[in-house]
């Protein structure tokens, strides 16, 4: 009975925290990315920083109302063999020809979707559509951040194949929430990305390279920590939940040697750089005359999306627990 209760508790924990980086970290990544931008862009983004920050989590919310949304957040690259980055075509048409669109969507499409969002954001800059620039900037920031999570690059995304259920939320939500206020988020200036599609794959490969440490370190510590020290009860929104204890979290964080901070820092500079690249590719339009409140049309769209999230019954397929 005790083991069953533990399993259920960790399952519930994973449901609550598995939403990508977690709301706190996604918001911090988008927020800090604004400060990487050049003078020609930073005023517009800083004036709308609250929007960019708050709507960093919208793609996660859309997973519960849009059946096409879930695969955009991950790629189970290890499904494709021992050396998947060598065998996987980096461009969408080539990958579809080799594996089929259904297969690609079943195992995640985040590197390709980042490139799609890049084109959309570039078009929004060309059209000088302030609403879409903000909406797409917030969203592409989310997908880029997701690609920086090692557990977004594996079929074993929540440790379900290695008796580590709950590790997803532990790594990407629990640790940033405990230690994120002490991270160094100043990463320097955004840079131009010459090949955005290949850059997205570079991000995913770096995440996958870190995966072994993410899983093996937790395993090693679990041998040392008995269950009554590995887990603790905490209040979350008025609900008592079983969480990884602060002692276990501290030991894991120390063993990771700053990995979570490094991946967040990498995400920040990449988000800013993709924004900057889209702006340059659009001809570096003057953003001063776009600095105005959201239109009623965009407010309505956002309100409708929020309502869909609140009432959505869809169970996302892929990385949902």
Protein backbone atom coordinates (compact mmCIF):
# COMPACT_ATOMS: atom_id res chain seq x y z
CA UNK A 1 0.00 0.00 0.00
CA UNK A 2 2.84 2.37 0.86
CA UNK A 3 4.49 1.71 -2.50
CA UNK A 4 1.19 2.29 -4.31
CA UNK A 5 0.69 5.59 -2.50
CA UNK A 6 4.21 6.66 -3.41
CA UNK A 7 3.64 5.81 -7.07
CA UNK A 8 0.37 7.73 -7.17
CA UNK A 9 1.92 10.70 -5.41
CA UNK A 10 4.83 10.92 -7.80
CA UNK A 11 2.48 10.47 -10.75
CA UNK A 12 0.42 13.42 -9.54
CA UNK A 13 3.60 15.41 -9.03
CA UNK A 14 4.69 14.66 -12.57
CA UNK A 15 1.33 15.79 -13.96
CA UNK A 16 1.59 19.09 -12.14
CA UNK A 17 5.21 19.80 -13.04
CA UNK A 18 5.84 18.14 -16.38
CA UNK A 19 4.69 21.14 -18.38
CA UNK A 20 8.04 21.83 -20.02
CA UNK A 21 10.40 23.95 -17.93
CA UNK A 22 7.55 24.74 -15.56
CA UNK A 23 5.79 28.07 -15.63
CA UNK A 24 8.37 29.82 -13.45
CA UNK A 25 11.37 28.93 -15.61
CA UNK A 26 9.64 29.57 -18.95
CA UNK A 27 8.65 33.03 -17.80
CA UNK A 28 12.16 33.79 -16.53
CA UNK A 29 13.76 32.67 -19.80
CA UNK A 30 11.54 34.87 -21.97
CA UNK A 31 11.88 37.78 -19.55
CA UNK A 32 15.68 37.72 -19.51
CA UNK A 33 15.91 37.17 -23.28
CA UNK A 34 14.54 40.68 -23.75
CA UNK A 35 17.74 42.09 -22.25
CA UNK A 36 19.93 40.37 -24.85
CA UNK A 37 18.53 42.49 -27.69
CA UNK A 38 20.23 45.41 -29.47
CA UNK A 39 19.09 49.02 -28.92
CA UNK A 40 16.90 48.95 -32.06
CA UNK A 41 14.78 46.18 -30.54
CA UNK A 42 15.11 46.35 -26.79
CA UNK A 43 12.80 49.32 -26.24
CA UNK A 44 9.87 47.56 -27.95
CA UNK A 45 10.48 44.29 -26.12
CA UNK A 46 11.04 45.92 -22.72
CA UNK A 47 7.88 47.96 -23.08
CA UNK A 48 6.00 44.70 -23.65
CA UNK A 49 8.07 42.56 -21.31
CA UNK A 50 5.07 41.69 -19.16
CA UNK A 51 3.32 40.20 -22.19
CA UNK A 52 6.42 38.33 -23.36
CA UNK A 53 6.88 36.96 -19.84
CA UNK A 54 3.31 36.00 -18.99
CA UNK A 55 2.57 34.42 -22.36
CA UNK A 56 5.72 32.30 -22.34
CA UNK A 57 3.51 29.48 -21.00
CA UNK A 58 0.74 29.70 -23.60
CA UNK A 59 2.00 26.81 -25.77
CA UNK A 60 1.73 24.47 -22.77
CA UNK A 61 -1.83 25.57 -22.23
CA UNK A 62 -2.64 24.95 -25.88
CA UNK A 63 -1.64 21.30 -25.46
CA UNK A 64 -5.02 20.70 -23.80
CA UNK A 65 -7.14 22.17 -26.59
CA UNK A 66 -5.13 21.75 -29.82
CA UNK A 67 -4.40 18.15 -30.91
CA UNK A 68 -1.48 19.37 -33.07
CA UNK A 69 0.30 21.11 -30.19
CA UNK A 70 1.91 18.38 -28.08
CA UNK A 71 4.58 17.13 -30.59
CA UNK A 72 5.91 20.68 -30.98
CA UNK A 73 7.50 20.55 -27.52
CA UNK A 74 9.87 17.58 -27.78
CA UNK A 75 11.68 15.07 -29.94
CA UNK A 76 12.25 11.47 -28.86
CA UNK A 77 15.42 11.34 -30.88
CA UNK A 78 16.59 8.04 -29.36
CA UNK A 79 13.67 6.35 -31.12
CA UNK A 80 15.68 6.67 -34.33
CA UNK A 81 18.63 4.50 -33.42
CA UNK A 82 22.02 4.50 -31.71
CA UNK A 83 23.40 7.52 -33.58
CA UNK A 84 20.18 9.41 -34.36
CA UNK A 85 21.72 12.81 -35.03
CA UNK A 86 23.79 11.29 -37.83
CA UNK A 87 20.90 9.45 -39.44
CA UNK A 88 18.06 11.98 -38.98
CA UNK A 89 17.66 14.43 -41.88
CA UNK A 90 17.73 17.95 -40.52
CA UNK A 91 15.21 19.40 -42.98
CA UNK A 92 11.53 18.57 -42.79
CA UNK A 93 10.89 17.33 -46.33
CA UNK A 94 13.88 15.00 -46.20
CA UNK A 95 12.82 13.66 -42.80
CA UNK A 96 9.25 13.07 -43.99
CA UNK A 97 10.55 11.21 -47.03
CA UNK A 98 12.64 8.95 -44.80
CA UNK A 99 10.33 8.32 -41.85
CA UNK A 100 6.82 9.65 -42.78
CA UNK A 101 5.03 12.63 -41.26
CA UNK A 102 2.97 10.44 -38.92
CA UNK A 103 6.10 8.90 -37.40
CA UNK A 104 7.79 12.27 -36.94
CA UNK A 105 4.74 13.74 -35.21
CA UNK A 106 4.40 10.68 -33.00
CA UNK A 107 7.93 11.18 -31.63
CA UNK A 108 8.10 14.96 -31.60
CA UNK A 109 9.01 17.78 -33.98
CA UNK A 110 10.44 20.57 -31.83
CA UNK A 111 13.58 21.32 -33.94
CA UNK A 112 11.49 21.69 -37.09
CA UNK A 113 8.76 23.65 -35.36
CA UNK A 114 11.27 26.19 -34.08
CA UNK A 115 12.18 26.85 -37.71
CA UNK A 116 8.50 27.17 -38.69
CA UNK A 117 8.00 29.71 -35.91
CA UNK A 118 11.10 31.54 -37.09
CA UNK A 119 9.56 32.05 -40.53
CA UNK A 120 6.28 33.19 -39.00
CA UNK A 121 8.02 35.71 -36.76
CA UNK A 122 10.05 37.03 -39.70
CA UNK A 123 6.82 37.56 -41.65
CA UNK A 124 5.30 39.39 -38.68
CA UNK A 125 8.29 41.74 -38.61
CA UNK A 126 8.00 42.31 -42.38
CA UNK A 127 4.32 43.15 -41.98
CA UNK A 128 5.09 45.27 -38.89
CA UNK A 129 2.24 43.49 -37.12
CA UNK A 130 2.90 44.28 -33.46
CA UNK A 131 0.33 41.81 -32.15
CA UNK A 132 1.81 38.89 -34.05
CA UNK A 133 5.39 39.89 -33.23
CA UNK A 134 4.59 39.71 -29.53
CA UNK A 135 2.46 36.58 -29.78
CA UNK A 136 5.02 34.69 -31.87
CA UNK A 137 8.00 35.96 -29.86
CA UNK A 138 6.47 34.59 -26.67
CA UNK A 139 5.66 31.28 -28.33
CA UNK A 140 8.95 30.65 -30.10
CA UNK A 141 10.68 31.41 -26.81
CA UNK A 142 8.75 28.54 -25.26
CA UNK A 143 9.72 26.00 -27.94
CA UNK A 144 13.38 27.03 -27.89
CA UNK A 145 13.42 26.67 -24.12
CA UNK A 146 11.81 23.24 -24.37
CA UNK A 147 14.54 22.07 -26.75
CA UNK A 148 17.09 22.88 -24.03
CA UNK A 149 15.61 20.27 -21.67
CA UNK A 150 17.44 16.90 -21.85
CA UNK A 151 14.27 14.99 -20.98
CA UNK A 152 12.54 16.50 -24.00
CA UNK A 153 14.88 14.50 -26.22
CA UNK A 154 14.10 10.95 -25.17
CA UNK A 155 11.34 8.36 -25.10
CA UNK A 156 12.21 7.89 -21.43
CA UNK A 157 11.06 11.47 -20.85
CA UNK A 158 9.79 10.92 -17.30
CA UNK A 159 12.02 8.05 -16.25
CA UNK A 160 9.15 5.64 -16.83
CA UNK A 161 11.48 3.01 -18.32
CA UNK A 162 14.10 3.26 -15.55
CA UNK A 163 11.97 3.40 -12.40
CA UNK A 164 12.49 7.17 -12.10
CA UNK A 165 8.96 8.43 -12.63
CA UNK A 166 8.79 12.09 -11.65
CA UNK A 167 12.31 13.05 -12.73
CA UNK A 168 10.95 15.24 -15.54
CA UNK A 169 9.29 17.74 -13.24
CA UNK A 170 12.11 17.35 -10.72
CA UNK A 171 14.82 18.47 -13.14
CA UNK A 172 13.00 21.20 -15.02
CA UNK A 173 10.63 22.64 -12.40
CA UNK A 174 11.63 21.70 -8.86
CA UNK A 175 15.30 22.64 -9.22
CA UNK A 176 14.73 26.02 -10.92
CA UNK A 177 12.08 26.91 -8.37
CA UNK A 178 14.44 26.08 -5.50
CA UNK A 179 17.65 27.58 -6.86
CA UNK A 180 16.72 29.74 -9.83
CA UNK A 181 16.79 33.03 -7.97
CA UNK A 182 20.54 32.58 -7.49
CA UNK A 183 21.32 31.81 -11.14
CA UNK A 184 23.27 34.24 -13.31
CA UNK A 185 20.99 35.17 -16.21
CA UNK A 186 23.14 37.79 -17.93
CA UNK A 187 24.40 36.06 -21.04
CA UNK A 188 25.62 38.84 -23.32
CA UNK A 189 24.10 40.10 -26.56
CA UNK A 190 21.95 38.22 -29.03
CA UNK A 191 23.73 37.21 -32.23
CA UNK A 192 22.64 36.53 -35.80
CA UNK A 193 21.99 32.86 -36.56
CA UNK A 194 23.08 32.00 -40.10
CA UNK A 195 21.28 28.64 -40.26
CA UNK A 196 18.31 28.61 -37.87
CA UNK A 197 17.22 25.07 -38.72
CA UNK A 198 20.65 23.64 -38.00
CA UNK A 199 20.87 25.76 -34.85
CA UNK A 200 17.68 24.17 -33.56
CA UNK A 201 19.26 20.75 -34.06
CA UNK A 202 22.42 21.90 -32.31
CA UNK A 203 20.29 22.79 -29.28
CA UNK A 204 18.58 19.40 -29.27
CA UNK A 205 21.86 17.52 -29.59
CA UNK A 206 23.38 19.41 -26.66
CA UNK A 207 20.34 18.52 -24.56
CA UNK A 208 20.54 14.86 -25.54
CA UNK A 209 24.24 14.77 -24.65
CA UNK A 210 23.34 15.81 -21.09
CA UNK A 211 20.63 13.15 -20.73
CA UNK A 212 22.82 10.37 -19.36
CA UNK A 213 23.92 12.55 -16.43
CA UNK A 214 20.34 13.63 -15.70
CA UNK A 215 19.24 10.02 -15.28
CA UNK A 216 22.35 8.38 -13.83
CA UNK A 217 22.95 10.98 -11.12
CA UNK A 218 19.40 10.60 -9.82
CA UNK A 219 19.89 6.82 -9.76
CA UNK A 220 23.12 7.10 -7.77
CA UNK A 221 21.57 9.39 -5.18
CA UNK A 222 18.50 7.18 -4.85
CA UNK A 223 20.75 4.40 -3.58
CA UNK A 224 22.09 6.68 -0.84
CA UNK A 225 18.82 8.34 0.19
CA UNK A 226 16.11 6.21 1.82
CA UNK A 227 12.56 7.10 0.75
CA UNK A 228 11.81 9.08 3.91
CA UNK A 229 14.73 11.39 3.07
CA UNK A 230 14.26 11.41 -0.69
CA UNK A 231 10.71 12.74 -0.49
CA UNK A 232 8.87 15.27 1.65
CA UNK A 233 5.41 16.77 1.88
CA UNK A 234 4.83 20.39 0.87
CA UNK A 235 1.83 22.64 0.36
CA UNK A 236 1.11 23.48 -3.28
CA UNK A 237 -1.88 25.72 -3.92
CA UNK A 238 -3.62 24.54 -0.79
CA UNK A 239 -2.89 20.88 -1.59
CA UNK A 240 -0.41 18.69 0.28
CA UNK A 241 1.86 16.98 -2.24
CA UNK A 242 4.73 14.56 -2.03
CA UNK A 243 7.82 16.21 -3.50
CA UNK A 244 11.48 15.47 -3.84
CA UNK A 245 12.91 16.68 -0.53
CA UNK A 246 15.10 19.74 -0.28
CA UNK A 247 18.01 17.58 0.92
CA UNK A 248 17.75 15.26 -2.08
CA UNK A 249 17.24 18.24 -4.40
CA UNK A 250 20.35 19.94 -3.01
CA UNK A 251 22.44 16.80 -3.47
CA UNK A 252 21.18 16.31 -7.03
CA UNK A 253 21.72 19.96 -7.89
CA UNK A 254 25.28 19.77 -6.59
CA UNK A 255 25.98 16.59 -8.55
CA UNK A 256 24.64 18.21 -11.74
CA UNK A 257 27.22 20.97 -11.17
CA UNK A 258 25.16 23.84 -12.56
CA UNK A 259 23.59 21.97 -15.49
CA UNK A 260 20.12 23.43 -15.03
CA UNK A 261 21.52 26.95 -14.81
CA UNK A 262 23.64 26.37 -17.93
CA UNK A 263 20.66 25.10 -19.92
CA UNK A 264 18.55 28.08 -18.82
CA UNK A 265 21.34 30.51 -19.74
CA UNK A 266 21.74 28.80 -23.11
CA UNK A 267 17.99 29.05 -23.67
CA UNK A 268 17.97 32.78 -22.87
CA UNK A 269 20.67 33.70 -25.40
CA UNK A 270 19.15 31.43 -28.05
CA UNK A 271 15.68 32.94 -27.62
CA UNK A 272 17.07 36.45 -27.96
CA UNK A 273 19.17 35.41 -30.95
CA UNK A 274 16.21 33.85 -32.78
CA UNK A 275 14.18 37.03 -32.18
CA UNK A 276 17.08 39.12 -33.44
CA UNK A 277 17.63 36.91 -36.49
CA UNK A 278 13.96 37.11 -37.47
CA UNK A 279 14.14 40.91 -37.21
CA UNK A 280 17.32 41.13 -39.31
CA UNK A 281 15.92 38.75 -41.94
CA UNK A 282 12.85 40.97 -42.15
CA UNK A 283 15.02 43.93 -43.08
CA UNK A 284 15.52 45.33 -39.56
CA UNK A 285 12.25 47.32 -39.49
CA UNK A 286 11.89 50.31 -37.19
CA UNK A 287 9.89 49.14 -34.17
CA UNK A 288 9.27 52.56 -32.64
CA UNK A 289 5.92 53.10 -34.31
CA UNK A 290 4.76 49.63 -33.22
CA UNK A 291 4.97 50.48 -29.54
CA UNK A 292 1.24 50.53 -28.82
CA UNK A 293 -1.29 48.53 -26.80
CA UNK A 294 -2.63 45.21 -28.06
CA UNK A 295 -5.54 45.43 -30.45
CA UNK A 296 -8.98 44.29 -29.35
CA UNK A 297 -8.70 41.47 -31.87
CA UNK A 298 -5.58 40.08 -30.17
CA UNK A 299 -7.11 40.50 -26.73
CA UNK A 300 -10.09 38.49 -27.91
CA UNK A 301 -7.83 35.78 -29.35
CA UNK A 302 -5.91 35.48 -26.09
CA UNK A 303 -9.11 35.39 -24.08
CA UNK A 304 -10.48 32.61 -26.27
CA UNK A 305 -7.25 30.62 -25.92
CA UNK A 306 -7.37 30.97 -22.15
CA UNK A 307 -10.95 29.77 -22.08
CA UNK A 308 -10.03 26.77 -24.24
CA UNK A 309 -7.25 25.95 -21.80
CA UNK A 310 -9.57 26.14 -18.81
CA UNK A 311 -12.23 23.97 -20.42
CA UNK A 312 -10.02 21.77 -22.60
CA UNK A 313 -10.61 18.04 -22.25
CA UNK A 314 -7.86 16.91 -24.60
CA UNK A 315 -5.26 14.52 -23.26
CA UNK A 316 -2.00 15.40 -25.02
CA UNK A 317 -0.18 12.55 -26.70
CA UNK A 318 3.50 12.48 -25.85
CA UNK A 319 5.35 13.67 -22.74
CA UNK A 320 2.10 14.17 -20.88
CA UNK A 321 3.14 12.34 -17.72
